[in-house]
């Protein structure tokens, strides 16, 4: 069950970062844009540590520095993949915007 929740949270973080990339180039009013970005960003603050916790549970609850390595590494991995998803989404949305002109 822990791996299923970890996979779901990983996919959700990737989609949320992609949503941030989608909302950023929109010509919305400033307050509306910030609200949409906040709606995409706040769940990431919960899901990244949740992913690390679920990976820690799936690895058998290692004690001491094993937990630090597992949780820190998994948090770094999900953050890195999220940032990569953001930049690839931003590039594709900007490319679509440029081709529509």
C-alpha atoms as a PDB file:
ATOM      1  CA  UNK A   1       0.000   0.000   0.000  1.00  0.00           C
ATOM      2  CA  UNK A   2       2.892   2.337   0.754  1.00  0.00           C
ATOM      3  CA  UNK A   3       4.320   1.959  -2.749  1.00  0.00           C
ATOM      4  CA  UNK A   4       0.942   2.640  -4.338  1.00  0.00           C
ATOM      5  CA  UNK A   5       0.567   5.849  -2.326  1.00  0.00           C
ATOM      6  CA  UNK A   6       4.160   6.813  -3.108  1.00  0.00           C
ATOM      7  CA  UNK A   7       3.562   6.334  -6.841  1.00  0.00           C
ATOM      8  CA  UNK A   8       0.324   8.301  -6.704  1.00  0.00           C
ATOM      9  CA  UNK A   9       1.938  11.167  -4.816  1.00  0.00           C
ATOM     10  CA  UNK A  10       4.887  11.167  -7.244  1.00  0.00           C
ATOM     11  CA  UNK A  11       2.577  11.379 -10.260  1.00  0.00           C
ATOM     12  CA  UNK A  12       0.489  14.072  -8.564  1.00  0.00           C
ATOM     13  CA  UNK A  13       3.578  16.179  -7.827  1.00  0.00           C
ATOM     14  CA  UNK A  14       4.638  15.908 -11.468  1.00  0.00           C
ATOM     15  CA  UNK A  15       1.174  16.961 -12.630  1.00  0.00           C
ATOM     16  CA  UNK A  16       1.081  19.860 -10.164  1.00  0.00           C
ATOM     17  CA  UNK A  17       4.443  21.156 -11.381  1.00  0.00           C
ATOM     18  CA  UNK A  18       3.140  20.800 -14.940  1.00  0.00           C
ATOM     19  CA  UNK A  19       0.073  22.793 -13.865  1.00  0.00           C
ATOM     20  CA  UNK A  20       2.299  25.572 -12.552  1.00  0.00           C
ATOM     21  CA  UNK A  21       4.039  25.642 -15.927  1.00  0.00           C
ATOM     22  CA  UNK A  22       0.637  25.830 -17.628  1.00  0.00           C
ATOM     23  CA  UNK A  23      -0.669  28.675 -15.453  1.00  0.00           C
ATOM     24  CA  UNK A  24       2.443  30.828 -15.488  1.00  0.00           C
ATOM     25  CA  UNK A  25       2.363  32.169 -19.092  1.00  0.00           C
ATOM     26  CA  UNK A  26      -1.391  32.890 -19.037  1.00  0.00           C
ATOM     27  CA  UNK A  27      -2.348  36.567 -19.448  1.00  0.00           C
ATOM     28  CA  UNK A  28      -4.559  36.592 -16.363  1.00  0.00           C
ATOM     29  CA  UNK A  29      -4.991  39.333 -13.806  1.00  0.00           C
ATOM     30  CA  UNK A  30      -2.113  39.289 -11.318  1.00  0.00           C
ATOM     31  CA  UNK A  31      -4.194  38.264  -8.291  1.00  0.00           C
ATOM     32  CA  UNK A  32      -5.918  35.472 -10.202  1.00  0.00           C
ATOM     33  CA  UNK A  33      -2.620  34.127 -11.472  1.00  0.00           C
ATOM     34  CA  UNK A  34      -1.166  34.085  -7.968  1.00  0.00           C
ATOM     35  CA  UNK A  35      -4.222  32.281  -6.617  1.00  0.00           C
ATOM     36  CA  UNK A  36      -3.957  29.603  -9.300  1.00  0.00           C
ATOM     37  CA  UNK A  37      -0.226  29.189  -8.672  1.00  0.00           C
ATOM     38  CA  UNK A  38      -0.955  28.920  -4.950  1.00  0.00           C
ATOM     39  CA  UNK A  39      -3.557  26.232  -5.610  1.00  0.00           C
ATOM     40  CA  UNK A  40      -0.961  24.243  -7.551  1.00  0.00           C
ATOM     41  CA  UNK A  41       1.911  24.904  -5.152  1.00  0.00           C
ATOM     42  CA  UNK A  42       0.389  24.230  -1.748  1.00  0.00           C
ATOM     43  CA  UNK A  43      -0.367  20.539  -2.377  1.00  0.00           C
ATOM     44  CA  UNK A  44       3.275  20.096  -3.396  1.00  0.00           C
ATOM     45  CA  UNK A  45       4.343  21.244   0.073  1.00  0.00           C
ATOM     46  CA  UNK A  46       2.318  18.372   1.509  1.00  0.00           C
ATOM     47  CA  UNK A  47       2.997  15.718  -1.129  1.00  0.00           C
ATOM     48  CA  UNK A  48       6.803  15.904  -1.247  1.00  0.00           C
ATOM     49  CA  UNK A  49       7.249  14.968   2.454  1.00  0.00           C
ATOM     50  CA  UNK A  50       4.363  12.501   2.128  1.00  0.00           C
ATOM     51  CA  UNK A  51       6.197  10.779  -0.746  1.00  0.00           C
ATOM     52  CA  UNK A  52       9.365  10.601   1.356  1.00  0.00           C
ATOM     53  CA  UNK A  53       7.429   9.124   4.277  1.00  0.00           C
ATOM     54  CA  UNK A  54       5.761   6.504   2.095  1.00  0.00           C
ATOM     55  CA  UNK A  55       9.112   5.492   0.592  1.00  0.00           C
ATOM     56  CA  UNK A  56      10.491   5.231   4.123  1.00  0.00           C
ATOM     57  CA  UNK A  57       7.600   2.941   5.049  1.00  0.00           C
ATOM     58  CA  UNK A  58       8.131   0.852   1.911  1.00  0.00           C
ATOM     59  CA  UNK A  59      11.837   0.361   2.675  1.00  0.00           C
ATOM     60  CA  UNK A  60      11.075  -1.195   6.049  1.00  0.00           C
ATOM     61  CA  UNK A  61      11.434   1.745   8.441  1.00  0.00           C
ATOM     62  CA  UNK A  62      15.233   1.928   8.660  1.00  0.00           C
ATOM     63  CA  UNK A  63      16.411   3.630  11.876  1.00  0.00           C
ATOM     64  CA  UNK A  64      18.918   6.425  12.459  1.00  0.00           C
ATOM     65  CA  UNK A  65      20.777   7.732   9.414  1.00  0.00           C
ATOM     66  CA  UNK A  66      19.168   5.157   7.132  1.00  0.00           C
ATOM     67  CA  UNK A  67      15.924   7.068   7.490  1.00  0.00           C
ATOM     68  CA  UNK A  68      17.694  10.346   6.760  1.00  0.00           C
ATOM     69  CA  UNK A  69      19.230   8.926   3.606  1.00  0.00           C
ATOM     70  CA  UNK A  70      15.991   7.351   2.383  1.00  0.00           C
ATOM     71  CA  UNK A  71      13.772  10.329   3.130  1.00  0.00           C
ATOM     72  CA  UNK A  72      16.281  12.942   1.989  1.00  0.00           C
ATOM     73  CA  UNK A  73      17.082  11.073  -1.208  1.00  0.00           C
ATOM     74  CA  UNK A  74      13.466  10.444  -2.091  1.00  0.00           C
ATOM     75  CA  UNK A  75      12.574  14.093  -1.393  1.00  0.00           C
ATOM     76  CA  UNK A  76      15.443  15.216  -3.606  1.00  0.00           C
ATOM     77  CA  UNK A  77      14.405  12.832  -6.377  1.00  0.00           C
ATOM     78  CA  UNK A  78      10.753  13.905  -6.408  1.00  0.00           C
ATOM     79  CA  UNK A  79      11.763  17.577  -6.303  1.00  0.00           C
ATOM     80  CA  UNK A  80      14.244  17.099  -9.146  1.00  0.00           C
ATOM     81  CA  UNK A  81      11.719  15.274 -11.302  1.00  0.00           C
ATOM     82  CA  UNK A  82       9.103  17.921 -10.483  1.00  0.00           C
ATOM     83  CA  UNK A  83      11.430  20.706 -11.596  1.00  0.00           C
ATOM     84  CA  UNK A  84      12.234  18.777 -14.776  1.00  0.00           C
ATOM     85  CA  UNK A  85       8.496  18.366 -15.387  1.00  0.00           C
ATOM     86  CA  UNK A  86       8.000  22.097 -14.839  1.00  0.00           C
ATOM     87  CA  UNK A  87      10.678  23.077 -17.345  1.00  0.00           C
ATOM     88  CA  UNK A  88       9.530  20.592 -19.985  1.00  0.00           C
ATOM     89  CA  UNK A  89       5.933  21.758 -19.551  1.00  0.00           C
ATOM     90  CA  UNK A  90       6.961  25.392 -19.712  1.00  0.00           C
ATOM     91  CA  UNK A  91       8.930  24.784 -22.898  1.00  0.00           C
ATOM     92  CA  UNK A  92       6.034  22.950 -24.548  1.00  0.00           C
ATOM     93  CA  UNK A  93       3.446  25.577 -23.541  1.00  0.00           C
ATOM     94  CA  UNK A  94       5.664  28.423 -24.749  1.00  0.00           C
ATOM     95  CA  UNK A  95       6.280  26.555 -27.998  1.00  0.00           C
ATOM     96  CA  UNK A  96       2.508  26.143 -28.483  1.00  0.00           C
ATOM     97  CA  UNK A  97       1.999  29.823 -27.763  1.00  0.00           C
ATOM     98  CA  UNK A  98       4.681  30.834 -30.275  1.00  0.00           C
ATOM     99  CA  UNK A  99       3.288  28.556 -32.991  1.00  0.00           C
ATOM    100  CA  UNK A 100      -0.262  29.880 -32.531  1.00  0.00           C
ATOM    101  CA  UNK A 101       0.821  33.437 -33.367  1.00  0.00           C
END
